[in-house]
């Protein structure tokens, strides 16, 4: 399984970016997918996850600002980020779980739920 992120970059506070993650050699339609981020000196944290039926889960810090979505025809996962803040600055990672649902409804943002990881794409938000 390969996951390849793209779409990162540098924006000013209040700006928007859309991240993409292309998946290959994955039974995409039956996988859970997620976005995580890691800032320098901090632990990797869950941002958003989506189950095979499209049910999304968001971290409190991004609710109302970020939207996760998936295109099953293209095997691509997206993260639309709006109203970006300097504290959103991090390396963003795509992750995949080879199961249609999470172990528990509250586990979408847990690192151990996921089987595969991408290499990451950097997002930098300046004030």
N, C-alpha and C. Protein backbone atom coordinates (compact mmCIF):
# COMPACT_ATOMS: atom_id res chain seq x y z
N UNK A 1 0.85 -1.20 0.00
CA UNK A 1 0.00 0.00 0.00
C UNK A 1 0.88 1.24 0.00
N UNK A 2 0.52 2.18 -0.85
CA UNK A 2 1.25 3.45 -0.89
C UNK A 2 0.28 4.61 -0.74
N UNK A 3 0.67 5.56 0.06
CA UNK A 3 -0.11 6.77 0.27
C UNK A 3 0.78 7.96 -0.05
N UNK A 4 0.32 8.83 -0.92
CA UNK A 4 1.13 9.97 -1.34
C UNK A 4 0.36 11.25 -1.14
N UNK A 5 0.84 12.08 -0.20
CA UNK A 5 0.19 13.36 0.08
C UNK A 5 0.71 14.46 -0.83
N UNK A 6 -0.14 15.45 -1.05
CA UNK A 6 0.26 16.64 -1.80
C UNK A 6 -0.64 17.80 -1.38
N UNK A 7 -0.25 19.00 -1.79
CA UNK A 7 -1.09 20.17 -1.53
C UNK A 7 -0.64 21.06 -0.40
N UNK A 8 0.41 20.66 0.30
CA UNK A 8 0.90 21.50 1.38
C UNK A 8 1.53 22.78 0.84
N UNK A 9 1.83 23.69 1.74
CA UNK A 9 2.46 24.93 1.32
C UNK A 9 2.44 25.95 2.44
N UNK A 10 2.75 27.19 2.07
CA UNK A 10 2.79 28.28 3.03
C UNK A 10 1.66 29.26 2.74
N UNK A 11 0.90 29.60 3.78
CA UNK A 11 -0.20 30.55 3.63
C UNK A 11 -0.21 31.48 4.83
N UNK A 12 -0.92 32.58 4.67
CA UNK A 12 -1.08 33.49 5.80
C UNK A 12 -2.28 33.07 6.64
N UNK A 13 -2.27 33.53 7.87
CA UNK A 13 -3.38 33.25 8.77
C UNK A 13 -4.70 33.66 8.13
N UNK A 14 -5.69 32.78 8.23
CA UNK A 14 -6.98 33.02 7.60
C UNK A 14 -7.11 32.43 6.22
N UNK A 15 -6.03 31.94 5.68
CA UNK A 15 -6.03 31.37 4.34
C UNK A 15 -6.54 29.94 4.31
N UNK A 16 -6.51 29.36 3.10
CA UNK A 16 -7.03 28.01 2.89
C UNK A 16 -6.03 27.17 2.09
N UNK A 17 -6.10 25.88 2.31
CA UNK A 17 -5.33 24.91 1.54
C UNK A 17 -6.17 23.64 1.42
N UNK A 18 -5.93 22.90 0.34
CA UNK A 18 -6.56 21.59 0.23
C UNK A 18 -5.46 20.55 0.06
N UNK A 19 -5.42 19.60 0.98
CA UNK A 19 -4.49 18.50 0.90
C UNK A 19 -5.15 17.33 0.19
N UNK A 20 -4.32 16.58 -0.53
CA UNK A 20 -4.79 15.38 -1.21
C UNK A 20 -3.91 14.21 -0.82
N UNK A 21 -4.49 13.02 -0.86
CA UNK A 21 -3.74 11.80 -0.58
C UNK A 21 -4.20 10.74 -1.57
N UNK A 22 -3.28 10.33 -2.43
CA UNK A 22 -3.58 9.30 -3.42
C UNK A 22 -3.16 7.95 -2.87
N UNK A 23 -4.07 6.99 -2.96
CA UNK A 23 -3.81 5.66 -2.41
C UNK A 23 -3.68 4.65 -3.54
N UNK A 24 -2.71 3.76 -3.40
CA UNK A 24 -2.56 2.69 -4.38
C UNK A 24 -2.39 1.37 -3.65
N UNK A 25 -2.81 0.32 -4.33
CA UNK A 25 -2.74 -1.05 -3.77
C UNK A 25 -3.47 -1.14 -2.44
N UNK A 26 -4.59 -0.47 -2.36
CA UNK A 26 -5.43 -0.49 -1.17
C UNK A 26 -6.86 -0.74 -1.60
N UNK A 27 -7.58 -1.58 -0.86
CA UNK A 27 -9.00 -1.75 -1.14
C UNK A 27 -9.70 -0.51 -0.62
N UNK A 28 -9.61 0.53 -1.42
CA UNK A 28 -9.96 1.88 -0.99
C UNK A 28 -11.38 1.97 -0.47
N UNK A 29 -12.30 1.33 -1.18
CA UNK A 29 -13.72 1.47 -0.84
C UNK A 29 -14.05 0.87 0.52
N UNK A 30 -13.19 -0.01 1.03
CA UNK A 30 -13.45 -0.67 2.31
C UNK A 30 -12.43 -0.26 3.38
N UNK A 31 -11.82 0.90 3.18
CA UNK A 31 -10.81 1.37 4.14
C UNK A 31 -11.28 2.61 4.87
N UNK A 32 -10.81 2.73 6.11
CA UNK A 32 -10.93 4.00 6.84
C UNK A 32 -9.69 4.82 6.51
N UNK A 33 -9.86 6.12 6.42
CA UNK A 33 -8.76 7.00 6.07
C UNK A 33 -8.69 8.16 7.05
N UNK A 34 -7.49 8.64 7.28
CA UNK A 34 -7.37 9.73 8.25
C UNK A 34 -6.26 10.70 7.92
N UNK A 35 -6.35 11.85 8.54
CA UNK A 35 -5.29 12.86 8.47
C UNK A 35 -4.76 13.11 9.89
N UNK A 36 -3.46 13.13 9.98
CA UNK A 36 -2.78 13.42 11.24
C UNK A 36 -1.79 14.56 10.99
N UNK A 37 -1.31 15.15 12.06
CA UNK A 37 -0.29 16.19 11.91
C UNK A 37 0.68 16.13 13.08
N UNK A 38 1.88 16.63 12.78
CA UNK A 38 2.91 16.65 13.81
C UNK A 38 3.72 17.93 13.68
N UNK A 39 3.67 18.73 14.73
CA UNK A 39 4.46 19.96 14.78
C UNK A 39 5.80 19.65 15.44
N UNK A 40 6.81 20.46 15.16
CA UNK A 40 8.13 20.22 15.76
C UNK A 40 8.05 20.15 17.28
N UNK A 41 8.65 19.11 17.84
CA UNK A 41 8.67 18.97 19.28
C UNK A 41 7.39 18.45 19.90
N UNK A 42 6.41 18.13 19.07
CA UNK A 42 5.12 17.65 19.58
C UNK A 42 4.82 16.26 19.05
N UNK A 43 3.89 15.59 19.73
CA UNK A 43 3.48 14.27 19.27
C UNK A 43 2.53 14.38 18.07
N UNK A 44 2.50 13.33 17.29
CA UNK A 44 1.56 13.28 16.17
C UNK A 44 0.14 13.20 16.73
N UNK A 45 -0.74 13.97 16.14
CA UNK A 45 -2.12 14.01 16.62
C UNK A 45 -3.11 13.84 15.48
N UNK A 46 -4.24 13.25 15.79
CA UNK A 46 -5.28 13.06 14.80
C UNK A 46 -6.00 14.35 14.48
N UNK A 47 -6.27 14.58 13.21
CA UNK A 47 -6.98 15.77 12.76
C UNK A 47 -8.39 15.41 12.32
N UNK A 48 -8.49 14.38 11.47
CA UNK A 48 -9.80 13.97 10.96
C UNK A 48 -9.71 12.55 10.44
N UNK A 49 -10.81 11.84 10.51
CA UNK A 49 -10.88 10.48 9.99
C UNK A 49 -12.22 10.29 9.29
N UNK A 50 -12.25 9.32 8.38
CA UNK A 50 -13.49 9.06 7.65
C UNK A 50 -13.62 7.56 7.41
N UNK A 51 -14.81 7.04 7.70
CA UNK A 51 -15.04 5.61 7.52
C UNK A 51 -15.46 5.34 6.08
N UNK A 52 -15.59 4.06 5.75
CA UNK A 52 -15.90 3.67 4.37
C UNK A 52 -17.24 4.22 3.92
N UNK A 53 -18.16 4.43 4.85
CA UNK A 53 -19.49 4.94 4.48
C UNK A 53 -19.53 6.47 4.45
N UNK A 54 -18.38 7.10 4.68
CA UNK A 54 -18.30 8.56 4.62
C UNK A 54 -18.50 9.26 5.95
N UNK A 55 -18.67 8.52 7.02
CA UNK A 55 -18.85 9.14 8.34
C UNK A 55 -17.56 9.80 8.78
N UNK A 56 -17.57 11.12 9.02
CA UNK A 56 -16.35 11.82 9.41
C UNK A 56 -16.25 12.01 10.93
N UNK A 57 -15.01 12.18 11.36
CA UNK A 57 -14.72 12.55 12.75
C UNK A 57 -13.65 13.63 12.72
N UNK A 58 -13.80 14.64 13.58
CA UNK A 58 -12.84 15.73 13.60
C UNK A 58 -12.31 15.97 15.01
N UNK A 59 -11.08 16.41 15.08
CA UNK A 59 -10.54 16.90 16.34
C UNK A 59 -11.25 18.21 16.67
N UNK A 60 -11.41 18.47 17.95
CA UNK A 60 -12.11 19.69 18.37
C UNK A 60 -11.42 20.94 17.81
N UNK A 61 -10.11 20.89 17.70
CA UNK A 61 -9.35 22.07 17.28
C UNK A 61 -9.61 22.47 15.83
N UNK A 62 -10.17 21.56 15.02
CA UNK A 62 -10.38 21.88 13.61
C UNK A 62 -11.85 21.85 13.19
N UNK A 63 -12.73 21.50 14.10
CA UNK A 63 -14.16 21.44 13.76
C UNK A 63 -14.64 22.78 13.25
N UNK A 64 -15.38 22.73 12.17
CA UNK A 64 -15.91 23.95 11.57
C UNK A 64 -14.94 24.64 10.63
N UNK A 65 -13.69 24.20 10.61
CA UNK A 65 -12.69 24.80 9.73
C UNK A 65 -12.17 23.82 8.69
N UNK A 66 -12.04 22.56 9.04
CA UNK A 66 -11.50 21.53 8.14
C UNK A 66 -12.62 20.59 7.73
N UNK A 67 -12.51 20.08 6.50
CA UNK A 67 -13.47 19.09 5.99
C UNK A 67 -12.72 17.95 5.34
N UNK A 68 -12.99 16.74 5.80
CA UNK A 68 -12.39 15.55 5.20
C UNK A 68 -13.39 14.95 4.22
N UNK A 69 -12.89 14.49 3.09
CA UNK A 69 -13.76 13.85 2.10
C UNK A 69 -12.96 12.84 1.31
N UNK A 70 -13.67 11.97 0.62
CA UNK A 70 -12.99 10.94 -0.17
C UNK A 70 -13.68 10.77 -1.51
N UNK A 71 -12.87 10.55 -2.52
CA UNK A 71 -13.37 10.28 -3.87
C UNK A 71 -13.07 8.82 -4.16
N UNK A 72 -14.10 7.98 -4.06
CA UNK A 72 -13.87 6.55 -4.23
C UNK A 72 -13.54 6.20 -5.67
N UNK A 73 -14.00 6.98 -6.61
CA UNK A 73 -13.72 6.68 -8.02
C UNK A 73 -12.24 6.91 -8.33
N UNK A 74 -11.64 7.90 -7.65
CA UNK A 74 -10.25 8.24 -7.92
C UNK A 74 -9.28 7.72 -6.86
N UNK A 75 -9.80 7.10 -5.80
CA UNK A 75 -8.96 6.65 -4.70
C UNK A 75 -8.15 7.79 -4.09
N UNK A 76 -8.81 8.92 -3.88
CA UNK A 76 -8.13 10.09 -3.33
C UNK A 76 -8.88 10.58 -2.09
N UNK A 77 -8.11 10.91 -1.08
CA UNK A 77 -8.61 11.48 0.16
C UNK A 77 -8.24 12.96 0.16
N UNK A 78 -9.17 13.78 0.67
CA UNK A 78 -8.93 15.21 0.72
C UNK A 78 -9.06 15.75 2.14
N UNK A 79 -8.38 16.86 2.37
CA UNK A 79 -8.60 17.63 3.60
C UNK A 79 -8.65 19.10 3.19
N UNK A 80 -9.84 19.66 3.19
CA UNK A 80 -10.01 21.07 2.89
C UNK A 80 -9.84 21.85 4.20
N UNK A 81 -8.88 22.75 4.21
CA UNK A 81 -8.55 23.51 5.41
C UNK A 81 -8.83 24.99 5.15
N UNK A 82 -9.67 25.57 5.98
CA UNK A 82 -9.99 26.99 5.87
C UNK A 82 -9.71 27.68 7.20
N UNK A 83 -9.71 28.99 7.18
CA UNK A 83 -9.46 29.78 8.39
C UNK A 83 -8.21 29.28 9.12
N UNK A 84 -7.17 29.06 8.37
CA UNK A 84 -5.95 28.49 8.96
C UNK A 84 -5.32 29.44 9.97
N UNK A 85 -4.73 28.84 10.98
CA UNK A 85 -4.09 29.57 12.07
C UNK A 85 -2.63 29.16 12.17
N UNK A 86 -1.79 29.99 12.76
CA UNK A 86 -0.38 29.61 12.94
C UNK A 86 -0.22 28.28 13.68
N UNK A 87 -1.12 27.99 14.59
CA UNK A 87 -1.01 26.73 15.34
C UNK A 87 -1.36 25.50 14.50
N UNK A 88 -1.83 25.71 13.28
CA UNK A 88 -2.06 24.59 12.35
C UNK A 88 -0.79 24.19 11.62
N UNK A 89 0.27 24.93 11.82
CA UNK A 89 1.55 24.63 11.18
C UNK A 89 2.06 23.28 11.65
N UNK A 90 2.32 22.38 10.69
CA UNK A 90 2.77 21.02 11.02
C UNK A 90 3.03 20.26 9.73
N UNK A 91 3.61 19.10 9.89
CA UNK A 91 3.66 18.13 8.79
C UNK A 91 2.36 17.34 8.88
N UNK A 92 1.67 17.23 7.76
CA UNK A 92 0.39 16.53 7.72
C UNK A 92 0.57 15.18 7.02
N UNK A 93 0.04 14.15 7.68
CA UNK A 93 0.18 12.78 7.19
C UNK A 93 -1.18 12.17 6.89
N UNK A 94 -1.22 11.41 5.83
CA UNK A 94 -2.38 10.62 5.47
C UNK A 94 -2.17 9.21 6.03
N UNK A 95 -3.25 8.56 6.45
CA UNK A 95 -3.15 7.21 6.99
C UNK A 95 -4.34 6.38 6.54
N UNK A 96 -4.13 5.06 6.48
CA UNK A 96 -5.19 4.16 6.04
C UNK A 96 -5.31 2.97 6.97
N UNK A 97 -6.53 2.56 7.17
CA UNK A 97 -6.84 1.37 7.98
C UNK A 97 -7.59 0.40 7.08
N UNK A 98 -7.07 -0.81 6.99
CA UNK A 98 -7.69 -1.80 6.09
C UNK A 98 -8.88 -2.46 6.76
N UNK A 99 -9.88 -1.66 7.03
CA UNK A 99 -11.16 -2.12 7.57
C UNK A 99 -12.18 -1.04 7.27
N UNK A 100 -13.43 -1.40 7.08
CA UNK A 100 -14.43 -0.40 6.69
C UNK A 100 -14.85 0.53 7.82
N UNK A 101 -14.62 0.07 9.08
CA UNK A 101 -15.02 0.88 10.23
C UNK A 101 -13.92 0.83 11.28
N UNK A 102 -13.94 1.77 12.17
CA UNK A 102 -12.98 1.80 13.27
C UNK A 102 -13.38 0.79 14.34
N UNK A 103 -12.43 0.43 15.18
CA UNK A 103 -12.67 -0.54 16.25
C UNK A 103 -13.79 -0.06 17.18
N UNK A 104 -13.82 1.25 17.32
CA UNK A 104 -14.85 1.87 18.13
C UNK A 104 -15.12 3.23 17.53
N UNK A 105 -16.32 3.72 17.69
CA UNK A 105 -16.71 4.98 17.05
C UNK A 105 -15.84 6.16 17.47
N UNK A 106 -15.19 6.06 18.61
CA UNK A 106 -14.36 7.17 19.11
C UNK A 106 -12.88 7.01 18.75
N UNK A 107 -12.53 6.00 17.98
CA UNK A 107 -11.11 5.70 17.73
C UNK A 107 -10.57 6.28 16.43
N UNK A 108 -11.33 7.06 15.72
CA UNK A 108 -10.91 7.54 14.40
C UNK A 108 -9.62 8.35 14.43
N UNK A 109 -9.29 8.96 15.56
CA UNK A 109 -8.13 9.83 15.64
C UNK A 109 -6.97 9.19 16.41
N UNK A 110 -7.06 7.89 16.61
CA UNK A 110 -5.99 7.18 17.30
C UNK A 110 -4.99 6.63 16.31
N UNK A 111 -3.72 6.87 16.53
CA UNK A 111 -2.67 6.42 15.62
C UNK A 111 -2.71 4.91 15.44
N UNK A 112 -2.95 4.18 16.48
CA UNK A 112 -2.85 2.72 16.41
C UNK A 112 -4.00 2.09 15.62
N UNK A 113 -4.98 2.87 15.23
CA UNK A 113 -6.06 2.35 14.40
C UNK A 113 -5.63 2.15 12.95
N UNK A 114 -4.52 2.74 12.58
CA UNK A 114 -4.14 2.79 11.18
C UNK A 114 -2.99 1.85 10.86
N UNK A 115 -3.04 1.29 9.66
CA UNK A 115 -2.05 0.31 9.23
C UNK A 115 -0.96 0.90 8.34
N UNK A 116 -1.29 1.95 7.60
CA UNK A 116 -0.34 2.49 6.62
C UNK A 116 -0.29 4.01 6.74
N UNK A 117 0.90 4.54 6.41
CA UNK A 117 1.13 5.98 6.53
C UNK A 117 1.85 6.52 5.30
N UNK A 118 1.52 7.76 4.97
CA UNK A 118 2.26 8.45 3.92
C UNK A 118 3.48 9.14 4.48
N UNK A 119 4.20 9.85 3.60
CA UNK A 119 5.44 10.52 4.00
C UNK A 119 5.21 11.93 4.54
N UNK A 120 4.05 12.48 4.28
CA UNK A 120 3.73 13.78 4.84
C UNK A 120 3.89 14.92 3.86
N UNK A 121 3.17 16.00 4.13
CA UNK A 121 3.28 17.24 3.38
C UNK A 121 3.23 18.40 4.38
N UNK A 122 4.12 19.35 4.19
CA UNK A 122 4.29 20.43 5.16
C UNK A 122 3.27 21.55 4.93
N UNK A 123 2.66 21.98 6.03
CA UNK A 123 1.76 23.14 6.00
C UNK A 123 2.32 24.18 6.97
N UNK A 124 2.54 25.38 6.47
CA UNK A 124 3.07 26.46 7.30
C UNK A 124 2.12 27.65 7.21
N UNK A 125 1.66 28.11 8.37
CA UNK A 125 0.73 29.24 8.42
C UNK A 125 1.41 30.38 9.17
N UNK A 126 1.55 31.49 8.51
CA UNK A 126 2.21 32.64 9.13
C UNK A 126 1.18 33.66 9.60
N UNK A 127 1.52 34.36 10.66
CA UNK A 127 0.58 35.35 11.23
C UNK A 127 0.72 36.70 10.56
